[in-house]
Amino acid sequence: MKATDSFKITPEIRARKSEQGIWYLRHNDIHGKSTEYSTGIEGDRRVIKSHVNESGIKDMVAVAAAGCLTADTIARIMATVKRPLTAMVDDWKQWMIGAGEAHGTVISFVKRVEHFMSMCPATHIAHVQISH
């Protein structure tokens, strides 16, 4: 699919507008695998930048870089916009339970993410913090 517009929103997140006018976001997971998903949003660059800032995507990409969220999970969570990250983590927890994850696994993953979020606001997370 050919992009009509493409730019970096943050060093980790790249936005691409399709020929149909829909914005897609791309970022790498902890293993360096690039993941791209549709936001379902149309409009100019201001619209997609605002969406990324208000929806918590930057926070989730930071948490994913720490290895706690998969790209698939982020794509599923991002079907919902304009919600606090904590509410999205609750949704993710319910999704894991519904997907049949073991109770201990769910609790462990959620605690890791909550601990990570409590240690440093995601808007101030540096690569050095994630790599430790």
Protein backbone atom coordinates (compact mmCIF):
# COMPACT_ATOMS: atom_id res chain seq x y z
CA MET A 1 0.00 0.00 0.00
CA LYS A 2 1.49 3.31 -1.04
CA ALA A 3 1.76 6.07 1.54
CA THR A 4 0.56 9.57 0.69
CA ASP A 5 2.17 11.06 3.80
CA SER A 6 4.62 9.66 6.32
CA PHE A 7 6.45 11.12 9.32
CA LYS A 8 7.88 10.32 12.75
CA ILE A 9 5.61 11.26 15.63
CA THR A 10 8.20 10.18 18.21
CA PRO A 11 11.55 8.44 17.75
CA GLU A 12 9.70 5.14 18.28
CA ILE A 13 6.44 5.79 16.39
CA ARG A 14 6.03 6.46 12.69
CA ALA A 15 2.73 7.50 11.09
CA ARG A 16 1.77 6.70 7.50
CA LYS A 17 -1.31 7.86 5.62
CA SER A 18 -2.66 5.37 3.08
CA GLU A 19 -3.99 6.26 -0.35
CA GLN A 20 -7.47 5.84 1.15
CA GLY A 21 -6.67 8.57 3.72
CA ILE A 22 -6.41 6.30 6.79
CA TRP A 23 -3.51 6.78 9.21
CA TYR A 24 -1.40 3.75 10.18
CA LEU A 25 1.08 3.64 13.04
CA ARG A 26 4.30 1.64 13.07
CA HIS A 27 6.69 0.82 15.90
CA ASN A 28 9.12 -1.95 16.83
CA ASP A 29 8.60 -4.53 19.56
CA ILE A 30 11.27 -5.60 22.06
CA HIS A 31 12.79 -7.95 19.45
CA GLY A 32 12.98 -5.21 16.81
CA LYS A 33 10.06 -6.58 14.79
CA SER A 34 8.15 -3.77 13.10
CA THR A 35 4.40 -3.74 13.63
CA GLU A 36 1.92 -1.57 11.77
CA TYR A 37 -1.78 -1.17 12.45
CA SER A 38 -4.61 1.01 11.26
CA THR A 39 -5.94 3.71 13.55
CA GLY A 40 -9.09 4.08 11.45
CA ILE A 41 -8.49 7.84 11.63
CA GLU A 42 -8.60 10.24 8.71
CA GLY A 43 -7.39 13.84 8.62
CA ASP A 44 -4.18 15.82 8.55
CA ARG A 45 -1.02 15.41 10.63
CA ARG A 46 -2.48 17.41 13.53
CA VAL A 47 -5.30 14.86 13.89
CA ILE A 48 -3.01 11.82 14.14
CA LYS A 49 -0.55 13.62 16.46
CA SER A 50 -3.43 14.56 18.74
CA HIS A 51 -4.70 10.97 18.67
CA VAL A 52 -1.30 9.60 19.67
CA ASN A 53 -0.95 12.13 22.49
CA GLU A 54 -4.46 11.67 23.89
CA SER A 55 -4.87 7.92 23.50
CA GLY A 56 -1.86 6.70 25.48
CA ILE A 57 -0.18 5.08 22.47
CA LYS A 58 3.18 6.59 23.42
CA ASP A 59 2.85 5.06 26.89
CA MET A 60 1.93 1.65 25.53
CA VAL A 61 4.82 1.63 23.06
CA ALA A 62 7.16 2.38 25.97
CA VAL A 63 5.66 -0.49 27.99
CA ALA A 64 5.88 -2.77 24.95
CA ALA A 65 9.53 -1.88 24.53
CA ALA A 66 10.03 -3.17 28.07
CA GLY A 67 8.67 -6.54 26.93
CA CYS A 68 5.40 -6.48 28.85
CA LEU A 69 2.96 -5.96 25.97
CA THR A 70 3.00 -7.56 22.55
CA ALA A 71 2.37 -5.59 19.39
CA ASP A 72 -0.80 -7.62 18.85
CA THR A 73 -2.06 -6.64 22.28
CA ILE A 74 -1.34 -2.97 21.61
CA ALA A 75 -3.26 -3.15 18.34
CA ARG A 76 -6.23 -4.70 20.16
CA ILE A 77 -6.12 -2.15 22.95
CA MET A 78 -5.87 0.73 20.49
CA ALA A 79 -9.27 -0.11 19.08
CA THR A 80 -10.33 2.05 22.05
CA VAL A 81 -9.17 5.65 22.12
CA LYS A 82 -9.04 8.51 24.63
CA ARG A 83 -8.77 6.29 27.70
CA PRO A 84 -6.22 6.36 30.50
CA LEU A 85 -3.43 3.82 30.28
CA THR A 86 -4.62 2.21 33.53
CA ALA A 87 -8.04 1.53 31.97
CA MET A 88 -6.32 0.01 28.95
CA VAL A 89 -4.26 -2.25 31.20
CA ASP A 90 -7.52 -3.40 32.82
CA ASP A 91 -8.88 -4.20 29.33
CA TRP A 92 -5.69 -6.08 28.52
CA LYS A 93 -6.04 -8.08 31.76
CA GLN A 94 -9.62 -9.03 30.87
CA TRP A 95 -8.52 -9.96 27.35
CA MET A 96 -5.78 -12.26 28.73
CA ILE A 97 -8.29 -13.92 31.05
CA GLY A 98 -10.70 -14.40 28.14
CA ALA A 99 -7.88 -15.77 25.99
CA GLY A 100 -7.28 -18.50 28.57
CA GLU A 101 -4.00 -17.27 30.06
CA ALA A 102 -3.12 -18.85 33.39
CA HIS A 103 -4.18 -16.78 36.40
CA GLY A 104 -0.58 -16.51 37.63
CA THR A 105 0.59 -15.30 34.22
CA VAL A 106 -2.09 -12.62 34.09
CA ILE A 107 -1.28 -11.38 37.59
CA SER A 108 2.46 -11.41 36.91
CA PHE A 109 2.17 -9.47 33.63
CA VAL A 110 -0.22 -6.90 35.07
CA LYS A 111 1.96 -6.37 38.15
CA ARG A 112 5.03 -5.87 35.95
CA VAL A 113 3.25 -3.25 33.85
CA GLU A 114 1.79 -1.49 36.90
CA HIS A 115 5.20 -1.47 38.60
CA PHE A 116 6.82 -0.08 35.45
CA MET A 117 4.14 2.63 35.20
CA SER A 118 4.57 3.57 38.89
CA MET A 119 8.36 3.86 38.67
CA CYS A 120 8.46 6.50 35.98
CA PRO A 121 5.80 8.33 33.99
CA ALA A 122 5.89 6.85 30.49
CA THR A 123 6.25 10.29 28.97
CA HIS A 124 9.67 10.54 30.66
CA ILE A 125 10.97 7.04 29.97
CA ALA A 126 14.38 6.90 28.37
CA HIS A 127 15.87 4.05 26.38
CA VAL A 128 18.32 3.45 29.24
CA GLN A 129 15.44 2.84 31.68
CA ILE A 130 13.74 0.39 29.32
CA SER A 131 16.91 -1.59 28.66
CA HIS A 132 17.41 -2.22 32.39
